[in-house]
Each structure stands twice: as structure tokens, then as C-alpha cells.
Protein backbone atom coordinates (compact mmCIF):
# COMPACT_ATOMS: atom_id res chain seq x y z
CA MET A 1 -0.06 -0.01 -0.03
CA LEU A 2 1.18 3.60 -0.82
CA PHE A 3 -1.06 5.21 1.72
CA TYR A 4 1.79 6.33 3.76
CA GLU A 5 3.88 7.57 0.85
CA ILE A 6 0.75 9.60 -0.30
CA TYR A 7 0.24 11.06 3.23
CA GLU A 8 3.99 12.18 3.32
CA LEU A 9 3.83 13.50 -0.18
CA ASN A 10 0.55 15.62 0.63
CA HIS A 11 2.29 16.88 3.74
CA ALA A 12 5.37 17.94 1.77
CA ALA A 13 3.15 19.41 -0.93
CA ILE A 14 1.25 21.71 1.32
CA GLN A 15 4.27 23.16 3.05
CA PRO A 16 4.22 26.43 0.93
CA LEU A 17 0.66 26.93 1.82
CA ARG A 18 1.36 26.45 5.49
CA ALA A 19 4.23 29.08 5.18
CA TYR A 20 1.91 31.64 3.43
CA SER A 21 -0.82 31.17 5.99
CA ASP A 22 1.61 31.52 9.07
CA THR A 23 2.83 34.86 7.40
CA ILE A 24 -0.71 35.98 6.97
CA ARG A 25 -1.28 35.23 10.66
CA LEU A 26 1.77 37.34 11.69
CA LEU A 27 0.78 40.12 9.50
CA TYR A 28 -2.76 40.47 10.91
CA SER A 29 -2.05 39.80 14.53
CA ASN A 30 0.87 42.41 14.53
CA PRO A 31 -0.25 45.26 16.90
CA LEU A 32 1.34 47.74 14.43
CA ASN A 33 -1.03 46.61 11.76
CA PRO A 34 -4.25 48.89 12.39
CA PHE A 35 -6.31 45.98 10.83
CA SER A 36 -5.32 43.58 13.71
CA HIS A 37 -7.65 45.74 16.11
CA THR A 38 -10.72 45.09 13.96
CA PRO A 39 -12.95 42.16 13.90
CA TRP A 40 -12.19 41.69 10.24
CA GLY A 41 -8.35 41.56 10.77
CA ARG A 42 -8.69 39.16 13.80
CA SER A 43 -11.01 37.00 11.52
CA VAL A 44 -8.22 36.68 8.75
CA ALA A 45 -5.58 35.97 11.48
CA ALA A 46 -7.66 33.34 13.16
CA ALA A 47 -8.63 31.69 9.68
CA ALA A 48 -4.88 31.64 9.01
CA GLU A 49 -3.84 30.02 12.21
CA LEU A 50 -6.74 27.33 11.95
CA PHE A 51 -5.41 26.39 8.58
CA GLU A 52 -1.89 26.20 9.81
CA ARG A 53 -2.75 24.15 12.89
CA THR A 54 -5.08 21.70 11.16
CA THR A 55 -2.26 20.93 8.41
CA ARG A 56 0.75 20.82 10.67
CA ARG A 57 2.61 17.62 11.69
CA TYR A 58 2.90 17.78 15.62
CA GLY A 59 6.10 16.86 16.96
CA LYS A 60 7.06 15.02 20.23
CA PRO A 61 5.88 17.44 23.10
CA ARG A 62 8.14 17.93 26.14
CA PHE A 63 7.23 17.29 29.81
CA ASP A 64 8.46 20.83 30.80
CA LEU A 65 7.98 19.74 34.57
CA THR A 66 10.84 21.90 36.12
CA SER A 67 9.53 21.97 39.82
CA THR A 68 7.25 20.47 42.31
CA VAL A 69 6.28 20.94 45.90
CA VAL A 70 7.59 18.54 48.52
CA ASP A 71 7.07 19.04 52.19
CA TRP A 72 5.58 22.54 51.43
CA LYS A 73 8.65 23.64 49.71
CA SER A 74 9.23 24.33 45.87
CA VAL A 75 12.12 21.96 44.65
CA ALA A 76 13.70 21.73 41.28
CA VAL A 77 12.99 18.78 38.88
CA THR A 78 15.29 17.43 36.21
CA GLU A 79 14.75 14.76 33.67
CA GLU A 80 17.45 12.08 33.24
CA ILE A 81 17.40 8.86 31.22
CA VAL A 82 18.39 5.93 33.35
CA TRP A 83 17.58 3.04 31.26
CA SER A 84 17.60 2.64 27.45
CA ARG A 85 16.66 0.28 24.74
CA PRO A 86 15.86 0.81 20.96
CA PHE A 87 12.26 1.24 21.53
CA CYS A 88 12.03 2.85 24.90
CA ASN A 89 13.82 5.15 27.44
CA LEU A 90 13.16 5.23 31.12
CA ILE A 91 13.01 8.87 32.24
CA HIS A 92 13.66 9.64 35.87
CA PHE A 93 12.06 12.78 37.29
CA ARG A 94 14.73 13.78 39.88
CA ARG A 95 13.97 16.13 42.46
CA GLU A 96 16.41 18.09 44.20
CA LEU A 97 15.78 16.90 47.84
CA PRO A 98 18.10 17.02 50.84
CA ALA A 99 20.32 13.81 51.20
CA SER A 100 19.19 13.43 54.83
CA ARG A 101 15.56 13.07 53.75
CA ARG A 102 13.84 9.78 53.85
CA ARG A 103 13.58 8.40 50.45
CA ASP A 104 10.00 8.30 48.93
CA ARG A 105 8.61 5.28 47.24
CA LYS A 106 9.74 4.60 43.64
CA LEU A 107 6.90 4.62 41.32
CA LEU A 108 7.30 3.19 37.75
CA ILE A 109 4.43 4.78 35.50
CA VAL A 110 4.17 2.66 32.34
CA ALA A 111 2.67 5.17 29.60
CA PRO A 112 0.33 3.72 26.99
CA MET A 113 1.89 2.55 23.66
CA SER A 114 -1.17 3.32 21.67
CA GLY A 115 -0.43 6.10 19.37
CA HIS A 116 0.33 9.07 21.64
CA TYR A 117 3.63 9.98 23.35
CA ALA A 118 4.39 9.60 27.06
CA THR A 119 3.97 13.34 27.62
CA LEU A 120 0.19 12.50 27.48
CA LEU A 121 0.75 11.55 31.12
CA ARG A 122 2.12 14.98 31.96
CA GLY A 123 -0.54 15.67 34.51
CA THR A 124 -0.23 12.22 35.92
CA VAL A 125 3.51 12.65 36.59
CA GLU A 126 2.97 16.25 37.74
CA ALA A 127 0.28 14.97 40.51
CA MET A 128 2.63 12.16 41.66
CA LEU A 129 5.89 14.12 41.97
CA PRO A 130 5.23 15.49 45.47
CA HIS A 131 4.55 12.00 46.73
CA ALA A 132 7.03 9.67 45.05
CA ASP A 133 10.10 9.17 43.18
CA VAL A 134 8.76 9.12 39.68
CA TYR A 135 9.86 7.18 36.61
CA VAL A 136 7.97 6.94 33.28
CA THR A 137 8.44 4.94 30.26
CA ASP A 138 9.10 7.13 27.05
CA TRP A 139 8.25 4.89 24.19
CA THR A 140 10.08 5.45 20.86
CA ASP A 141 8.34 6.36 17.64
CA ALA A 142 8.71 3.00 15.59
CA ARG A 143 9.39 5.13 12.36
CA MET A 144 12.47 6.56 13.85
CA VAL A 145 13.98 3.23 14.75
CA PRO A 146 16.17 1.68 11.98
CA LEU A 147 15.40 -2.12 10.87
CA VAL A 148 18.78 -3.05 12.17
CA ASP A 149 17.36 -2.57 15.75
CA GLY A 150 15.09 -5.64 15.45
CA SER A 151 11.50 -6.18 15.97
CA PHE A 152 9.35 -5.33 18.99
CA ASP A 153 6.24 -7.14 19.93
CA LEU A 154 4.07 -7.70 22.96
CA ASP A 155 6.39 -10.17 24.44
CA ASP A 156 9.24 -7.72 24.09
CA TYR A 157 7.01 -5.12 25.91
CA VAL A 158 6.63 -7.45 28.80
CA ASP A 159 10.51 -8.19 28.69
CA TYR A 160 10.91 -4.38 28.86
CA VAL A 161 8.67 -4.03 31.98
CA ILE A 162 10.44 -6.82 33.74
CA ALA A 163 13.97 -5.34 32.86
CA MET A 164 12.77 -1.87 34.21
CA LEU A 165 11.61 -3.19 37.48
CA HIS A 166 14.87 -5.06 37.81
CA HIS A 167 16.81 -1.89 37.09
CA LEU A 168 14.80 -0.04 39.75
CA GLY A 169 15.25 -2.77 42.26
CA ARG A 170 13.19 -3.33 45.53
CA ASP A 171 10.42 -0.86 47.00
CA THR A 172 9.11 -0.07 43.60
CA ASN A 173 5.43 0.49 42.73
CA ILE A 174 3.96 0.25 39.24
CA MET A 175 1.19 2.13 37.66
CA ALA A 176 -0.15 1.07 34.19
CA VAL A 177 -2.32 3.68 32.39
CA CYS A 178 -4.86 2.16 29.75
CA GLN A 179 -3.13 -0.09 27.15
CA PRO A 180 -0.14 -1.32 29.28
CA SER A 181 -2.60 -2.83 32.00
CA VAL A 182 -2.30 -6.28 30.21
CA PRO A 183 1.42 -6.59 29.60
CA VAL A 184 2.10 -5.24 33.19
CA LEU A 185 -0.35 -7.63 34.72
CA ALA A 186 1.36 -10.36 32.66
CA ALA A 187 4.96 -9.13 33.71
CA VAL A 188 4.03 -9.16 37.41
CA SER A 189 2.38 -12.52 37.05
CA LEU A 190 5.61 -13.93 35.41
CA MET A 191 7.85 -12.41 38.11
CA GLU A 192 5.57 -13.69 41.04
CA ALA A 193 5.65 -17.26 39.62
CA GLU A 194 9.35 -17.28 39.61
CA GLY A 195 9.57 -15.72 43.20
CA ASP A 196 11.29 -12.75 41.54
CA PRO A 197 12.54 -10.34 44.59
CA PHE A 198 12.10 -7.36 42.32
CA ALA A 199 8.42 -7.85 41.67
CA PRO A 200 6.61 -4.59 42.47
CA ALA A 201 5.31 -3.94 46.03
CA THR A 202 1.95 -2.41 44.52
CA MET A 203 0.34 -2.46 41.22
CA VAL A 204 -2.24 0.21 39.97
CA LEU A 205 -4.18 -0.50 36.81
CA MET A 206 -6.11 2.50 35.44
CA GLY A 207 -8.64 2.25 32.60
CA GLY A 208 -7.07 -0.72 31.10
CA PRO A 209 -8.49 -3.38 28.64
CA ILE A 210 -7.90 -6.44 30.96
CA ASP A 211 -11.21 -8.14 29.72
CA THR A 212 -12.94 -6.44 26.80
CA ARG A 213 -15.86 -8.96 26.90
CA ARG A 214 -17.23 -6.76 29.70
CA ASN A 215 -19.33 -3.94 28.74
CA PRO A 216 -17.44 -3.79 25.25
CA THR A 217 -17.06 -0.36 23.55
CA ALA A 218 -17.03 0.72 19.91
CA VAL A 219 -13.51 0.11 19.74
CA ASN A 220 -13.61 -3.54 21.29
CA LEU A 221 -16.69 -4.43 18.94
CA LEU A 222 -14.73 -3.25 15.78
CA ALA A 223 -11.63 -5.32 16.70
CA GLU A 224 -13.60 -8.43 17.37
CA GLU A 225 -15.83 -8.03 14.21
CA LYS A 226 -12.86 -7.49 11.81
CA GLY A 227 -10.33 -9.93 13.18
CA THR A 228 -6.61 -9.77 13.17
CA ALA A 229 -6.26 -10.64 9.40
CA TRP A 230 -8.19 -7.54 8.40
CA PHE A 231 -6.00 -5.25 10.45
CA ARG A 232 -2.90 -6.87 8.86
CA ASP A 233 -4.14 -6.39 5.43
CA ASN A 234 -5.76 -2.87 5.84
CA VAL A 235 -3.79 -0.64 8.37
CA ILE A 236 -0.16 -1.99 8.38
CA MET A 237 2.12 -0.02 6.25
CA GLN A 238 5.79 0.41 5.57
CA VAL A 239 7.69 3.51 6.86
CA PRO A 240 8.74 5.55 3.56
CA TRP A 241 12.08 6.75 2.77
CA PRO A 242 14.06 8.82 3.87
CA LEU A 243 12.88 8.35 7.62
CA PRO A 244 15.38 6.35 9.90
CA GLY A 245 12.87 3.42 10.04
CA PHE A 246 12.57 3.11 6.29
CA ALA A 247 10.86 -0.13 5.14
CA ARG A 248 9.75 -1.09 8.89
CA PRO A 249 6.24 -2.54 8.88
CA VAL A 250 4.11 -0.06 11.26
CA TYR A 251 0.57 0.84 12.31
CA PRO A 252 0.94 4.75 11.32
CA GLY A 253 0.19 7.06 14.00
CA PHE A 254 -2.00 9.38 11.67
CA LEU A 255 -4.41 6.24 11.15
CA GLN A 256 -4.71 5.88 15.02
CA LEU A 257 -5.40 9.58 15.27
CA SER A 258 -8.00 9.56 12.33
CA GLY A 259 -9.87 6.81 14.37
CA PHE A 260 -9.78 8.83 17.66
CA MET A 261 -10.96 11.91 15.72
CA GLY A 262 -13.67 9.79 13.95
CA MET A 263 -15.14 8.69 17.22
CA ASN A 264 -16.01 12.21 18.54
CA LEU A 265 -15.91 14.20 15.26
CA ASP A 266 -18.70 16.54 16.26
CA ARG A 267 -16.93 17.29 19.40
CA HIS A 268 -13.67 18.18 17.63
CA ILE A 269 -15.52 20.34 15.05
CA ASP A 270 -17.20 22.27 17.65
CA ALA A 271 -13.67 22.68 19.66
CA HIS A 272 -12.25 24.16 16.44
CA LYS A 273 -15.22 26.50 15.89
CA GLU A 274 -14.89 27.68 19.55
CA PHE A 275 -11.15 28.13 19.02
CA PHE A 276 -11.85 30.48 15.91
CA MET A 277 -14.32 32.54 17.90
CA HIS A 278 -11.80 32.86 20.90
CA LEU A 279 -9.35 34.22 18.39
CA VAL A 280 -11.73 36.69 16.84
CA LYS A 281 -12.92 37.87 20.17
CA ASN A 282 -9.30 38.12 21.32
CA ASP A 283 -10.09 35.58 24.12
CA GLY A 284 -6.37 34.62 24.72
CA ASP A 285 -7.14 32.18 27.81
CA GLY A 286 -9.78 30.21 25.78
CA ALA A 287 -7.41 30.01 22.70
CA GLU A 288 -4.37 28.89 24.70
CA LYS A 289 -6.35 26.14 26.39
CA HIS A 290 -7.27 24.77 22.97
CA ARG A 291 -3.68 25.18 21.78
CA GLU A 292 -2.34 23.13 24.76
CA PHE A 293 -4.87 20.23 24.56
CA TYR A 294 -4.42 19.84 20.63
CA ASP A 295 -0.62 20.41 20.67
CA GLU A 296 -0.66 17.12 22.73
CA TYR A 297 -3.61 15.38 21.21
CA LEU A 298 -2.50 15.76 17.47
CA ALA A 299 1.18 14.61 18.19
CA VAL A 300 1.09 10.94 17.28
CA MET A 301 3.69 8.12 16.75
CA ASP A 302 3.82 4.95 14.86
CA LEU A 303 3.65 1.40 16.47
CA THR A 304 5.64 -1.68 15.16
CA ALA A 305 3.18 -3.93 13.13
CA GLU A 306 4.09 -7.00 15.18
CA PHE A 307 3.33 -5.31 18.45
CA TYR A 308 0.13 -3.91 17.19
CA LEU A 309 -1.19 -7.02 15.61
CA GLN A 310 -0.10 -9.30 18.55
CA THR A 311 -1.98 -6.78 20.94
CA VAL A 312 -5.01 -6.86 18.84
CA ASP A 313 -5.10 -10.62 18.56
CA THR A 314 -4.27 -11.27 22.47
CA VAL A 315 -6.37 -8.58 24.12
CA PHE A 316 -9.32 -7.65 21.64
CA VAL A 317 -9.98 -10.69 19.46
CA ARG A 318 -9.21 -13.80 21.52
CA HIS A 319 -9.32 -12.28 25.06
CA LEU A 320 -6.39 -14.73 26.11
CA LEU A 321 -5.58 -13.13 29.46
CA PRO A 322 -9.02 -13.31 30.99
CA LYS A 323 -9.44 -16.86 29.67
CA GLY A 324 -6.20 -17.83 31.28
CA GLU A 325 -4.54 -18.76 27.91
CA MET A 326 -2.06 -16.06 27.50
CA THR A 327 1.57 -16.97 27.16
CA HIS A 328 4.97 -15.36 27.10
CA ARG A 329 7.60 -16.95 25.03
CA GLY A 330 6.00 -20.28 25.66
CA ARG A 331 5.33 -19.85 29.37
CA PRO A 332 1.78 -19.50 30.77
CA VAL A 333 0.76 -16.26 32.23
CA ASP A 334 -1.04 -17.32 35.30
CA SER A 335 -2.49 -14.38 37.24
CA LYS A 336 -3.27 -16.56 40.02
CA ALA A 337 0.47 -16.44 40.85
CA ILE A 338 0.33 -13.08 42.07
CA ARG A 339 -0.01 -13.32 45.98
CA THR A 340 2.29 -10.49 47.51
CA VAL A 341 1.51 -7.54 45.20
CA ALA A 342 -1.15 -5.33 46.23
CA LEU A 343 -3.69 -4.52 43.59
CA LEU A 344 -5.73 -1.17 43.09
CA THR A 345 -7.79 -0.78 39.85
CA VAL A 346 -9.42 2.59 38.75
CA GLU A 347 -12.06 3.20 36.14
CA GLY A 348 -13.95 6.09 34.83
CA GLU A 349 -17.76 6.09 34.91
CA ASN A 350 -18.08 7.36 31.28
CA ASP A 351 -15.12 5.62 29.83
CA ASP A 352 -15.65 4.94 26.14
CA ILE A 353 -12.39 3.27 25.29
CA SER A 354 -12.16 0.71 28.08
CA GLY A 355 -15.70 -0.03 29.34
CA LEU A 356 -16.90 -0.11 32.98
CA GLY A 357 -15.74 -3.33 34.52
CA GLN A 358 -12.88 -4.20 31.95
CA THR A 359 -10.06 -3.04 34.44
CA GLU A 360 -11.98 -4.35 37.61
CA ALA A 361 -11.77 -7.92 35.89
CA ALA A 362 -8.18 -7.94 37.06
CA HIS A 363 -9.44 -8.76 40.65
CA ARG A 364 -11.12 -11.73 39.56
CA LEU A 365 -7.94 -13.19 37.78
CA CYS A 366 -5.84 -12.30 40.64
CA VAL A 367 -7.64 -14.46 43.04
CA ASN A 368 -4.73 -15.19 45.44
CA ILE A 369 -4.12 -11.53 46.48
CA PRO A 370 -5.70 -11.22 50.04
CA ASP A 371 -8.97 -9.22 50.21
CA ASP A 372 -7.28 -6.65 52.43
CA GLN A 373 -4.48 -5.98 49.66
CA ARG A 374 -6.86 -5.02 47.00
CA ALA A 375 -9.06 -2.03 46.11
CA HIS A 376 -11.22 -0.77 43.25
CA TYR A 377 -12.54 2.84 42.60
CA VAL A 378 -14.85 4.10 39.90
CA GLN A 379 -14.60 7.78 39.25
CA PRO A 380 -17.85 9.38 38.71
CA ALA A 381 -18.39 11.76 35.75
CA VAL A 382 -15.09 11.21 33.86
CA GLY A 383 -14.35 9.45 30.54
CA HIS A 384 -11.21 7.69 29.58
CA TYR A 385 -8.87 10.85 29.71
CA GLY A 386 -10.25 11.82 33.02
CA VAL A 387 -9.09 8.66 34.69
CA PHE A 388 -5.48 9.80 34.67
CA ASN A 389 -5.63 13.59 34.11
CA GLY A 390 -7.63 16.76 34.88
CA SER A 391 -9.11 18.31 38.01
CA ARG A 392 -10.93 15.04 39.22
CA PHE A 393 -7.86 12.95 38.72
CA ARG A 394 -5.84 15.47 40.95
CA ALA A 395 -8.48 15.92 43.46
CA GLU A 396 -10.01 12.50 43.99
CA ILE A 397 -7.99 9.76 42.08
CA ALA A 398 -4.27 10.77 42.80
CA PRO A 399 -4.87 10.90 46.65
CA ARG A 400 -6.24 7.48 46.59
CA ILE A 401 -3.19 6.04 44.76
CA VAL A 402 -0.86 7.85 46.93
CA ASP A 403 -2.62 6.48 50.11
CA PHE A 404 -2.49 2.97 48.55
CA ILE A 405 1.03 2.66 47.75
CA THR A 406 1.87 4.46 51.08
CA SER A 407 -0.15 1.87 52.88
CA TYR A 408 0.97 -1.28 51.17
CA GLY A 409 4.37 -0.25 49.60
CA ARG A 410 7.04 -0.85 51.95
CA ALA A 411 5.03 -3.66 53.98
CA ASN A 412 4.64 -5.80 50.92
CA GLN A 413 8.31 -5.24 49.59
CA ALA A 414 9.39 -6.71 52.84
CA ARG A 415 7.41 -9.97 52.31
CA PRO A 416 9.07 -12.85 50.93
CA LYS A 417 8.60 -13.93 47.27
CA PRO A 418 8.44 -17.72 47.22
CA ARG A 419 8.60 -19.41 43.85
CA LEU A 420 5.28 -20.82 42.48
CA VAL A 421 5.39 -24.56 42.53
CA ARG A 422 3.14 -26.34 40.05
CA ALA A 423 1.98 -29.82 40.52
CA GLU A 424 2.99 -32.41 37.62
CA VAL A 425 0.20 -33.85 35.90
CA GLY A 426 0.30 -37.56 34.72
């Protein structure tokens, strides 16, 4: 298929128009231009900016978290890469704290690898920084990874999670937001089955598709209806030249974004109409909020074909994890092996990506976690995004997560990790 090449060609062809549009915007928003103070001039500038923004390729955003408040004092925060592989960097948000201060719990936030960059969790990281030593997975855009660096599938994802937990060591808590709930639960199951001393103390799963048979959404139904072969034939493309990942089979980010936009097209059209009116009315605050949201939302990355297809098949088509049939490199993934890791699941009442009950299903699978080491919370009046971002997340969800990892973190990490012994059959 040449769709990817056509997409790149169209983007290149429209560059002169974008440059011209940006020039018009600058001209009619310049305060020295008398027309910039009239509704007509602001309308011209607004139309030019709207055109430029809707035809732009949005690059990878920055976290830009330079400070936080710890113990009622503002402290500096710096980003550092502490672990690296071709498809992921592990970012540590190092806080400038006194050496004599007791160390906070380590929190590994596993960002979704579903088309958006890890910066989508900026609000999540920001809310946890005052309370934990935060690390986040920064997944790499597949089109930027040369073919010589090999492939990356769901099994590799699980291996990456285990390797990162080993790197961080004991007293680590793990949080999976949306898509990684399945590979994180698989990784912890495998570690517990082996008696791995670096299994996390607590596991927080948020808005994740553990069992998509429960309250299926439009996304779930589409995958089950079409089947894996349809996706392989219709959405997998090769990265065009001259990108570093030339010839790598991928699921392009622009296709994923088209799907996201199509699900709520009326809402996005209305948002852009409001943005235009904010600019005409010279409402800077309203326009800036629109820019901040869409600068993040429209920045997308490609996924490797093997990861995407294996995830579709395992999670959405065959439901292998909730059926107890999921394997990792030939080894069974047995959630019943989890015995010493406390579990918290969080869902949004109006989630249209991971339906209500899909994440809670983890409790049904992890039957050997003691009842006093598990909790489930449904946040009223929020959709998928509100589960990990926004005012309700900061006010109602984040405090519950902090309380959970504070209550169970160190106590669970001190518990022994016996290897799971399976009875021989026959």
C-alpha cells in the first residue's frame, strides 16, 4: 500500500501554503497593523492560524516539569534517562531533595503505547511528583527506529517492563495507564511465579482493557468483528524513505489519530469552531487552552506492526488473558501466581475506550491476593482521559493512589517472594 507515501507527499506539498498562512497570521496579528484591532483583521488571522494548525505535523511534546512541591517547599525537577533500549527510554524525574531526607517510594508509570507520546501523562506525573520518586516509560516512535535494531512485539514489551523493574530494584510500585495494563499484569504474574524479589510492591491498573468482553466499547467491537487478519491487510504499512525506520512495517500514528478523531468528530469540530471565535474575540485564555490540548492530542507516533497485531489478537480478538490462555515466549501467564503484590484498579464512569468493568476484571483473575491488599475505585463523571488527567484526577484519584502505595508499598516489599510450585500432571 502506498497510503503512507501519499500522506508524506501531501504533507510536503502543502508546506508552501502553510508557510504563506503563517505569514498572514503574523501580519494580521501584529499590533502595528491597524487591521489587527478590527474584527475583520482578527478573523483573517484566526482563519490563517486554524489552517496552519490543522495541516501541521505535531512533533513530540516536552514534559516541561521543572519544579514540584515537596514538604511544602518548591524543589527543582530535572529529567534524566536512566535505562535505554531501542524502543524505550526510562525517564527519571529527579527532585532536588536533601540527602538526609527519607527516600520516597519509587513509582514506575508505564505509559500507553497506543499512538500518543508519554507526555500525554504529563498531568499524571505532575500529580505524583510531590509524593513519589517518579519514573516513566518514554516509548520511541517506531518510524524513527532503524530496521537493524530488530523487532518489537507484545512479548518484548513484557520483557522491557520486567527489565525496568529489575533496574529500579526493591521498593518499587508500578502504575499502568490504559493499554499497558495487560502487559504489566502479565509481567507481574511471571515475576511472582518465579519468586522474583524485584516484583513490585503494589500494582495500579487504570482504565485498562483486561477483559474487553465486559461492557465492550465501539473500539472493542470493531476489533472483534474485523479480526486480526483484517487489520494486517488494511492498516499495516511500511515507513517511507528517508525516515530512519525506512521499510519497517508499522501501524501509522496518523491512522490511529483518524480513528480517535472519528469517534468524536462533532466534538472536535465544535472545539475548532470555538477556537476560531476565541481568536476573533481576542479571548487569549480560551485559545491557549485549545492550543495546549491539541498540541498534545495531535502529536502521534507509529507502532511496530508486530506489537500492534499481537496486541489486537491477544487482548481484543481472542481475550487470552481473562481466559487464562495467554503465554509469554511459551510460558503460561498465570495471574493466580500473584500473591504478594497489592492491587488497585481505577475506572471512569463514562469511559468509552475501556468500558466499565474491564479493568476491575483483574481482581477476578488475581484470586490469591488477600482481600485486604486490594481495592477498586470508579470515578464518577469522567471519561477515559479523566481517569489519569484533569481536576478530578488530581482531587479524587491521585490521593487514593498515594494512600494505597503508602499503605501497602514498604510492607509488601518486605514480604518473601516464594517461587510458585506447580503440580506435575500424569
